Protein backbone atom coordinates (compact mmCIF):
# COMPACT_ATOMS: atom_id res chain seq x y z
CA MET A 1 0.72 2.97 -15.85
CA LYS A 2 -1.91 4.73 -13.22
CA ILE A 3 -1.69 5.43 -9.27
CA LYS A 4 -5.18 5.03 -7.73
CA ILE A 5 -5.47 5.74 -3.79
CA ALA A 6 -6.10 1.39 -2.75
CA SER A 7 -9.18 0.13 -1.67
CA LEU A 8 -11.11 -3.00 -0.03
CA ASP A 9 -11.14 -4.29 -3.58
CA ASN A 10 -7.12 -4.40 -3.79
CA LEU A 11 -6.48 -5.91 -0.09
CA LYS A 12 -6.08 -9.66 -1.54
CA GLU A 13 -3.88 -8.66 -4.31
CA ILE A 14 -1.56 -6.45 -1.61
CA LYS A 15 -1.56 -9.30 0.75
CA SER A 16 -0.63 -11.71 -1.84
CA LEU A 17 2.24 -9.63 -3.28
CA SER A 18 3.30 -9.12 0.30
CA LYS A 19 3.54 -13.12 0.79
CA GLN A 20 5.01 -14.05 -2.44
CA PHE A 21 7.53 -11.27 -1.95
CA GLY A 22 8.62 -11.49 1.82
CA PHE A 23 7.09 -7.47 1.53
CA GLU A 24 6.13 -6.86 5.30
CA ILE A 25 4.46 -9.84 5.80
CA ASN A 26 2.60 -9.18 9.12
CA ARG A 27 1.75 -5.47 8.33
CA ASP A 28 -1.97 -4.64 8.82
CA TRP A 29 -2.68 -3.86 5.32
CA LYS A 30 -6.54 -3.45 6.32
CA GLY A 31 -5.57 -0.75 8.80
CA LEU A 32 -3.41 0.87 6.30
CA ILE A 33 -5.67 0.97 3.76
CA PHE A 34 -9.02 2.43 6.00
CA SER A 35 -6.99 4.27 9.10
CA LYS A 36 -8.21 8.26 8.91
CA SER A 37 -4.89 8.99 9.29
CA SER A 38 -3.54 7.49 7.05
CA LYS A 39 -3.69 6.59 2.78
CA MET A 40 -2.24 3.91 0.52
CA PHE A 41 -1.68 4.50 -2.90
CA ILE A 42 -1.21 1.28 -5.43
CA LEU A 43 0.51 1.40 -8.61
CA ILE A 44 -1.23 -0.20 -12.10
CA GLU A 45 -0.38 -1.80 -15.04
CA ASN A 46 -3.27 -3.93 -17.39
CA ASN A 47 -5.38 -4.05 -14.16
CA MET A 48 -2.90 -5.29 -12.25
CA VAL A 49 -1.22 -4.33 -8.87
CA ILE A 50 2.60 -3.73 -9.62
CA GLY A 51 3.57 -1.30 -6.53
CA PHE A 52 1.98 0.30 -3.47
CA SER A 53 2.91 2.41 -0.59
CA GLY A 54 1.15 4.66 2.22
CA LEU A 55 1.21 7.70 3.74
CA ILE A 56 0.40 7.49 7.56
CA ASN A 57 -0.28 11.52 9.28
CA PHE A 58 0.90 12.26 12.87
CA ASP A 59 -1.43 14.98 13.75
CA TRP A 60 0.26 15.38 17.88
CA ASN A 61 3.68 16.54 15.19
CA ASN A 62 2.56 17.42 12.75
CA THR A 63 4.33 14.51 9.99
CA ILE A 64 3.94 12.37 7.62
CA GLN A 65 5.65 9.04 7.54
CA ILE A 66 6.05 7.25 3.93
CA SER A 67 5.07 3.88 4.46
CA ASN A 68 6.18 0.60 2.83
CA VAL A 69 7.07 1.18 -0.88
CA PHE A 70 6.51 -2.05 -2.91
CA ILE A 71 7.32 -2.29 -6.36
CA HIS A 72 6.84 -5.49 -8.00
CA PRO A 73 10.27 -6.84 -9.10
CA ASP A 74 9.53 -7.35 -12.58
CA TYR A 75 9.00 -3.61 -12.75
């Protein structure tokens, strides 16, 4: 398994997993991936995304929020 920073290449697979498992279906995944104030990470095994999560930085109060932790139920 490896962890990588999510990119546009992963967006389709993230959206598909979100829809398939009813996880944050209306979430703006593209916005989370491309925002300057956030980072999204993916967990990969056998060239397949099996998990994802994000961190959102809030400058106004100097905090970080963990966003959307998902692990494929088979794992």
